[in-house]
Each structure stands twice: as structure tokens, then as C-alpha cells.
């Protein structure tokens, strides 16, 4: 066996295993829960219409903007009550996946 292999203890259902991690797994970006104050593009697309501007008050369920992707119009809604801190996009802009569109405060 190679002396340079680093084993870790991995617990599953109260049983402890000795195992190794691949480089890809060890260098992965850790999971972070989504921030309800940030509206991000879940798919690449084009901004068809922006319904809010900086400083607007919004309620949960209000339409913030329309993102067209794959010939579908996706109405992105406010996930919480709040005030629009900043709108980062404008009508006609093409955005990539995970692009920050609107931030609430």
C-alpha cells in the first residue's frame, strides 16, 4: 500500500469507515444555502421585462421580472417581502446561469 494515502473516518449509520477522498471531491465548492434576498438566473436567458426598480417595496409573490429561456417566459417572483436594494439587469440583456438579477433588503 502507498504510504502517502491519507485516510479519513467516514461515519454512516453509526458505523465508522476508513476511506480516501478523490481530489475532485476534496476540492469541491461547499454547499451554501440559497440567499432569499438574492434573485439569480436559474437558467441562461434574455430579460424580457423588469417590473421593479431600486427602492420599490415588494410582497412575497410579486412578479419582479420575466426571463425568457428556451422559448419559455419565466416570471420570477419575490420569495419574501422586502425592498428592492438593486436591480442588476435591464430589458433585452442576455444573462448566464447563476447571474445575480435583483437583490432585496
N, C-alpha and C. Protein backbone atom coordinates (compact mmCIF):
# COMPACT_ATOMS: atom_id res chain seq x y z
N UNK A 1 0.82 -1.19 0.00
CA UNK A 1 0.00 0.00 0.00
C UNK A 1 0.87 1.25 0.00
N UNK A 2 0.40 2.30 -0.66
CA UNK A 2 1.13 3.56 -0.74
C UNK A 2 1.11 4.26 0.62
N UNK A 3 2.25 4.67 1.09
CA UNK A 3 2.36 5.32 2.40
C UNK A 3 1.80 6.74 2.40
N UNK A 4 1.64 7.37 1.21
CA UNK A 4 1.18 8.75 1.12
C UNK A 4 -0.34 8.89 1.09
N UNK A 5 -1.05 7.79 1.10
CA UNK A 5 -2.51 7.86 1.06
C UNK A 5 -3.02 8.31 2.42
N UNK A 6 -3.89 9.30 2.39
CA UNK A 6 -4.47 9.83 3.63
C UNK A 6 -5.89 9.29 3.79
N UNK A 7 -6.12 8.57 4.86
CA UNK A 7 -7.43 8.01 5.13
C UNK A 7 -8.20 8.95 6.07
N UNK A 8 -9.51 9.00 5.87
CA UNK A 8 -10.37 9.77 6.77
C UNK A 8 -11.39 8.83 7.38
N UNK A 9 -11.93 9.23 8.51
CA UNK A 9 -13.02 8.46 9.13
C UNK A 9 -14.33 8.99 8.60
N UNK A 10 -15.13 8.10 8.05
CA UNK A 10 -16.42 8.44 7.49
C UNK A 10 -17.48 7.66 8.24
N UNK A 11 -18.41 8.39 8.88
CA UNK A 11 -19.46 7.73 9.67
C UNK A 11 -20.74 7.67 8.86
N UNK A 12 -21.35 6.50 8.85
CA UNK A 12 -22.64 6.31 8.19
C UNK A 12 -23.43 5.32 9.01
N UNK A 13 -24.60 5.75 9.47
CA UNK A 13 -25.50 4.93 10.28
C UNK A 13 -24.75 4.26 11.44
N UNK A 14 -24.02 5.08 12.18
CA UNK A 14 -23.31 4.66 13.38
C UNK A 14 -22.17 3.67 13.13
N UNK A 15 -21.78 3.50 11.87
CA UNK A 15 -20.64 2.65 11.54
C UNK A 15 -19.56 3.57 10.97
N UNK A 16 -18.35 3.39 11.45
CA UNK A 16 -17.24 4.22 11.01
C UNK A 16 -16.41 3.45 9.99
N UNK A 17 -16.12 4.11 8.87
CA UNK A 17 -15.33 3.51 7.80
C UNK A 17 -14.06 4.33 7.60
N UNK A 18 -12.99 3.69 7.21
CA UNK A 18 -11.76 4.38 6.81
C UNK A 18 -11.77 4.40 5.29
N UNK A 19 -11.64 5.59 4.72
CA UNK A 19 -11.70 5.73 3.27
C UNK A 19 -10.82 6.88 2.81
N UNK A 20 -10.74 7.08 1.51
CA UNK A 20 -9.99 8.18 0.93
C UNK A 20 -10.95 9.05 0.13
N UNK A 21 -10.51 10.26 -0.18
CA UNK A 21 -11.30 11.17 -0.99
C UNK A 21 -10.58 11.42 -2.31
N UNK A 22 -11.35 11.54 -3.38
CA UNK A 22 -10.74 11.92 -4.65
C UNK A 22 -10.37 13.39 -4.58
N UNK A 23 -9.43 13.81 -5.44
CA UNK A 23 -9.05 15.23 -5.48
C UNK A 23 -10.24 16.10 -5.84
N UNK A 24 -11.06 15.63 -6.78
CA UNK A 24 -12.24 16.40 -7.20
C UNK A 24 -13.18 16.62 -6.01
N UNK A 25 -13.42 15.58 -5.23
CA UNK A 25 -14.30 15.69 -4.08
C UNK A 25 -13.69 16.60 -3.00
N UNK A 26 -12.43 16.46 -2.75
CA UNK A 26 -11.76 17.26 -1.72
C UNK A 26 -11.72 18.74 -2.09
N UNK A 27 -11.67 19.07 -3.39
CA UNK A 27 -11.57 20.46 -3.84
C UNK A 27 -12.91 21.06 -4.26
N UNK A 28 -14.00 20.37 -4.00
CA UNK A 28 -15.31 20.85 -4.43
C UNK A 28 -15.70 22.12 -3.66
N UNK A 29 -16.59 22.91 -4.25
CA UNK A 29 -17.11 24.08 -3.57
C UNK A 29 -18.16 23.63 -2.57
N UNK A 30 -18.03 24.00 -1.32
CA UNK A 30 -19.01 23.54 -0.33
C UNK A 30 -20.39 24.12 -0.61
N UNK A 31 -21.42 23.38 -0.24
CA UNK A 31 -22.80 23.81 -0.43
C UNK A 31 -23.11 25.00 0.46
N UNK A 32 -23.74 26.00 -0.11
CA UNK A 32 -24.24 27.13 0.67
C UNK A 32 -25.72 27.27 0.35
N UNK A 33 -26.55 27.37 1.37
CA UNK A 33 -27.98 27.50 1.11
C UNK A 33 -28.28 28.79 0.35
N UNK A 34 -29.32 28.77 -0.50
CA UNK A 34 -29.64 29.98 -1.27
C UNK A 34 -30.03 31.14 -0.35
N UNK A 35 -29.67 32.34 -0.76
CA UNK A 35 -29.99 33.55 -0.01
C UNK A 35 -31.31 34.10 -0.55
N UNK A 36 -32.35 34.16 0.27
CA UNK A 36 -33.68 34.59 -0.18
C UNK A 36 -33.70 36.07 -0.58
N UNK A 37 -32.64 36.81 -0.26
CA UNK A 37 -32.58 38.22 -0.65
C UNK A 37 -32.06 38.40 -2.07
N UNK A 38 -31.50 37.35 -2.66
CA UNK A 38 -30.91 37.46 -3.99
C UNK A 38 -31.72 36.64 -5.00
N UNK A 39 -32.07 37.27 -6.11
CA UNK A 39 -32.78 36.60 -7.19
C UNK A 39 -31.74 36.36 -8.29
N UNK A 40 -31.49 35.08 -8.59
CA UNK A 40 -30.48 34.73 -9.59
C UNK A 40 -31.13 33.96 -10.74
N UNK A 41 -30.48 34.01 -11.89
CA UNK A 41 -30.97 33.28 -13.06
C UNK A 41 -30.72 31.79 -12.85
N UNK A 42 -31.77 31.00 -12.92
CA UNK A 42 -31.64 29.56 -12.74
C UNK A 42 -31.27 28.86 -14.04
N UNK A 43 -31.32 29.63 -15.15
CA UNK A 43 -31.01 29.12 -16.48
C UNK A 43 -30.56 30.31 -17.32
N UNK A 44 -29.69 30.12 -18.31
CA UNK A 44 -29.32 31.25 -19.15
C UNK A 44 -30.52 31.73 -19.96
N UNK A 45 -30.60 33.02 -20.20
CA UNK A 45 -31.73 33.54 -20.96
C UNK A 45 -31.64 35.03 -21.20
N UNK A 46 -32.76 35.58 -21.67
CA UNK A 46 -32.86 37.01 -22.00
C UNK A 46 -33.90 37.66 -21.10
N UNK A 47 -33.58 38.82 -20.58
CA UNK A 47 -34.53 39.57 -19.74
C UNK A 47 -35.54 40.24 -20.67
N UNK A 48 -36.80 39.82 -20.57
CA UNK A 48 -37.85 40.40 -21.41
C UNK A 48 -38.42 41.67 -20.81
N UNK A 49 -38.65 41.66 -19.50
CA UNK A 49 -39.29 42.81 -18.85
C UNK A 49 -38.87 42.85 -17.39
N UNK A 50 -38.57 44.03 -16.90
CA UNK A 50 -38.26 44.25 -15.48
C UNK A 50 -39.40 45.08 -14.91
N UNK A 51 -40.06 44.56 -13.88
CA UNK A 51 -41.22 45.22 -13.30
C UNK A 51 -40.90 46.10 -12.10
N UNK A 52 -39.70 46.02 -11.56
CA UNK A 52 -39.36 46.78 -10.36
C UNK A 52 -38.12 47.64 -10.61
N UNK A 53 -37.92 48.61 -9.73
CA UNK A 53 -36.72 49.44 -9.78
C UNK A 53 -36.18 49.58 -8.37
N UNK A 54 -34.98 50.10 -8.24
CA UNK A 54 -34.36 50.27 -6.93
C UNK A 54 -35.29 51.05 -6.00
N UNK A 55 -35.45 50.55 -4.78
CA UNK A 55 -36.26 51.24 -3.78
C UNK A 55 -37.71 50.82 -3.73
N UNK A 56 -38.20 50.05 -4.72
CA UNK A 56 -39.59 49.60 -4.70
C UNK A 56 -39.83 48.61 -3.57
N UNK A 57 -41.00 48.70 -2.95
CA UNK A 57 -41.40 47.72 -1.94
C UNK A 57 -42.13 46.59 -2.65
N UNK A 58 -41.80 45.34 -2.29
CA UNK A 58 -42.43 44.17 -2.91
C UNK A 58 -42.96 43.24 -1.83
N UNK A 59 -44.00 42.50 -2.20
CA UNK A 59 -44.57 41.49 -1.32
C UNK A 59 -44.24 40.11 -1.88
N UNK A 60 -44.22 39.12 -1.03
CA UNK A 60 -43.98 37.75 -1.46
C UNK A 60 -44.98 37.41 -2.56
N UNK A 61 -44.45 36.90 -3.69
CA UNK A 61 -45.31 36.52 -4.80
C UNK A 61 -45.42 37.56 -5.90
N UNK A 62 -44.94 38.79 -5.66
CA UNK A 62 -44.97 39.82 -6.71
C UNK A 62 -44.01 39.44 -7.83
N UNK A 63 -44.40 39.73 -9.09
CA UNK A 63 -43.53 39.48 -10.23
C UNK A 63 -42.44 40.55 -10.26
N UNK A 64 -41.19 40.11 -10.30
CA UNK A 64 -40.06 41.02 -10.35
C UNK A 64 -39.58 41.25 -11.78
N UNK A 65 -39.49 40.18 -12.55
CA UNK A 65 -39.06 40.29 -13.93
C UNK A 65 -39.45 39.04 -14.70
N UNK A 66 -39.30 39.11 -16.02
CA UNK A 66 -39.57 37.96 -16.89
C UNK A 66 -38.27 37.58 -17.58
N UNK A 67 -37.88 36.31 -17.42
CA UNK A 67 -36.67 35.76 -18.03
C UNK A 67 -37.10 34.77 -19.10
N UNK A 68 -36.75 35.05 -20.35
CA UNK A 68 -37.08 34.12 -21.43
C UNK A 68 -35.92 33.16 -21.62
N UNK A 69 -36.22 31.86 -21.55
CA UNK A 69 -35.21 30.84 -21.74
C UNK A 69 -35.85 29.65 -22.44
N UNK A 70 -35.19 29.16 -23.46
CA UNK A 70 -35.69 28.00 -24.21
C UNK A 70 -37.12 28.22 -24.70
N UNK A 71 -37.40 29.42 -25.20
CA UNK A 71 -38.70 29.81 -25.77
C UNK A 71 -39.83 29.83 -24.73
N UNK A 72 -39.46 29.88 -23.44
CA UNK A 72 -40.45 29.98 -22.37
C UNK A 72 -40.25 31.28 -21.61
N UNK A 73 -41.35 31.92 -21.24
CA UNK A 73 -41.30 33.13 -20.43
C UNK A 73 -41.44 32.73 -18.97
N UNK A 74 -40.39 32.94 -18.19
CA UNK A 74 -40.37 32.59 -16.77
C UNK A 74 -40.55 33.84 -15.94
N UNK A 75 -41.65 33.91 -15.20
CA UNK A 75 -41.93 35.05 -14.33
C UNK A 75 -41.25 34.78 -12.99
N UNK A 76 -40.24 35.55 -12.67
CA UNK A 76 -39.53 35.38 -11.41
C UNK A 76 -40.22 36.22 -10.34
N UNK A 77 -40.60 35.56 -9.25
CA UNK A 77 -41.40 36.17 -8.20
C UNK A 77 -40.56 36.44 -6.96
N UNK A 78 -41.00 37.40 -6.17
CA UNK A 78 -40.35 37.70 -4.89
C UNK A 78 -40.61 36.54 -3.94
N UNK A 79 -39.56 36.03 -3.32
CA UNK A 79 -39.70 34.91 -2.39
C UNK A 79 -39.97 35.38 -0.96
N UNK A 80 -39.98 36.70 -0.78
CA UNK A 80 -40.21 37.28 0.56
C UNK A 80 -40.65 38.72 0.41
N UNK A 81 -41.17 39.29 1.47
CA UNK A 81 -41.48 40.72 1.49
C UNK A 81 -40.18 41.49 1.65
N UNK A 82 -40.11 42.69 1.07
CA UNK A 82 -38.90 43.47 1.23
C UNK A 82 -38.89 44.68 0.32
N UNK A 83 -37.74 45.29 0.24
CA UNK A 83 -37.50 46.45 -0.61
C UNK A 83 -36.40 46.08 -1.60
N UNK A 84 -36.56 46.51 -2.84
CA UNK A 84 -35.54 46.23 -3.86
C UNK A 84 -34.31 47.08 -3.56
N UNK A 85 -33.21 46.42 -3.25
CA UNK A 85 -31.96 47.10 -2.96
C UNK A 85 -31.30 47.54 -4.26
N UNK A 86 -31.24 46.61 -5.24
CA UNK A 86 -30.59 46.93 -6.52
C UNK A 86 -31.09 45.99 -7.60
N UNK A 87 -31.33 46.54 -8.79
CA UNK A 87 -31.65 45.76 -9.98
C UNK A 87 -30.39 45.74 -10.83
N UNK A 88 -29.88 44.55 -11.12
CA UNK A 88 -28.60 44.41 -11.81
C UNK A 88 -28.74 44.20 -13.32
N UNK A 89 -29.96 44.10 -13.83
CA UNK A 89 -30.18 43.82 -15.26
C UNK A 89 -31.14 44.82 -15.87
N UNK A 90 -31.17 44.85 -17.20
CA UNK A 90 -32.12 45.70 -17.89
C UNK A 90 -32.77 44.89 -19.01
N UNK A 91 -33.87 45.38 -19.52
CA UNK A 91 -34.61 44.71 -20.57
C UNK A 91 -33.72 44.46 -21.78
N UNK A 92 -33.80 43.24 -22.33
CA UNK A 92 -33.02 42.88 -23.51
C UNK A 92 -31.66 42.28 -23.20
N UNK A 93 -31.22 42.34 -21.96
CA UNK A 93 -29.90 41.81 -21.59
C UNK A 93 -29.92 40.29 -21.57
N UNK A 94 -28.85 39.68 -22.08
CA UNK A 94 -28.68 38.23 -22.05
C UNK A 94 -27.84 37.90 -20.82
N UNK A 95 -28.35 36.97 -20.00
CA UNK A 95 -27.66 36.64 -18.75
C UNK A 95 -27.30 35.15 -18.71
N UNK A 96 -26.16 34.82 -18.07
CA UNK A 96 -25.78 33.41 -17.91
C UNK A 96 -26.47 32.81 -16.67
N UNK A 97 -26.37 31.52 -16.53
CA UNK A 97 -26.89 30.83 -15.35
C UNK A 97 -26.19 31.35 -14.10
N UNK A 98 -26.92 31.48 -13.01
CA UNK A 98 -26.46 31.95 -11.69
C UNK A 98 -26.09 33.43 -11.65
N UNK A 99 -26.48 34.19 -12.67
CA UNK A 99 -26.21 35.64 -12.69
C UNK A 99 -27.15 36.33 -11.70
N UNK A 100 -26.62 37.22 -10.88
CA UNK A 100 -27.44 37.98 -9.93
C UNK A 100 -28.29 38.98 -10.69
N UNK A 101 -29.61 38.88 -10.53
CA UNK A 101 -30.55 39.74 -11.25
C UNK A 101 -31.04 40.89 -10.39
N UNK A 102 -31.53 40.55 -9.20
CA UNK A 102 -32.12 41.54 -8.28
C UNK A 102 -31.73 41.17 -6.87
N UNK A 103 -31.47 42.20 -6.05
CA UNK A 103 -31.17 41.98 -4.64
C UNK A 103 -32.19 42.74 -3.80
N UNK A 104 -32.74 42.05 -2.79
CA UNK A 104 -33.70 42.65 -1.88
C UNK A 104 -33.03 42.95 -0.55
N UNK A 105 -33.64 43.88 0.22
CA UNK A 105 -33.13 44.12 1.58
C UNK A 105 -34.26 44.02 2.56
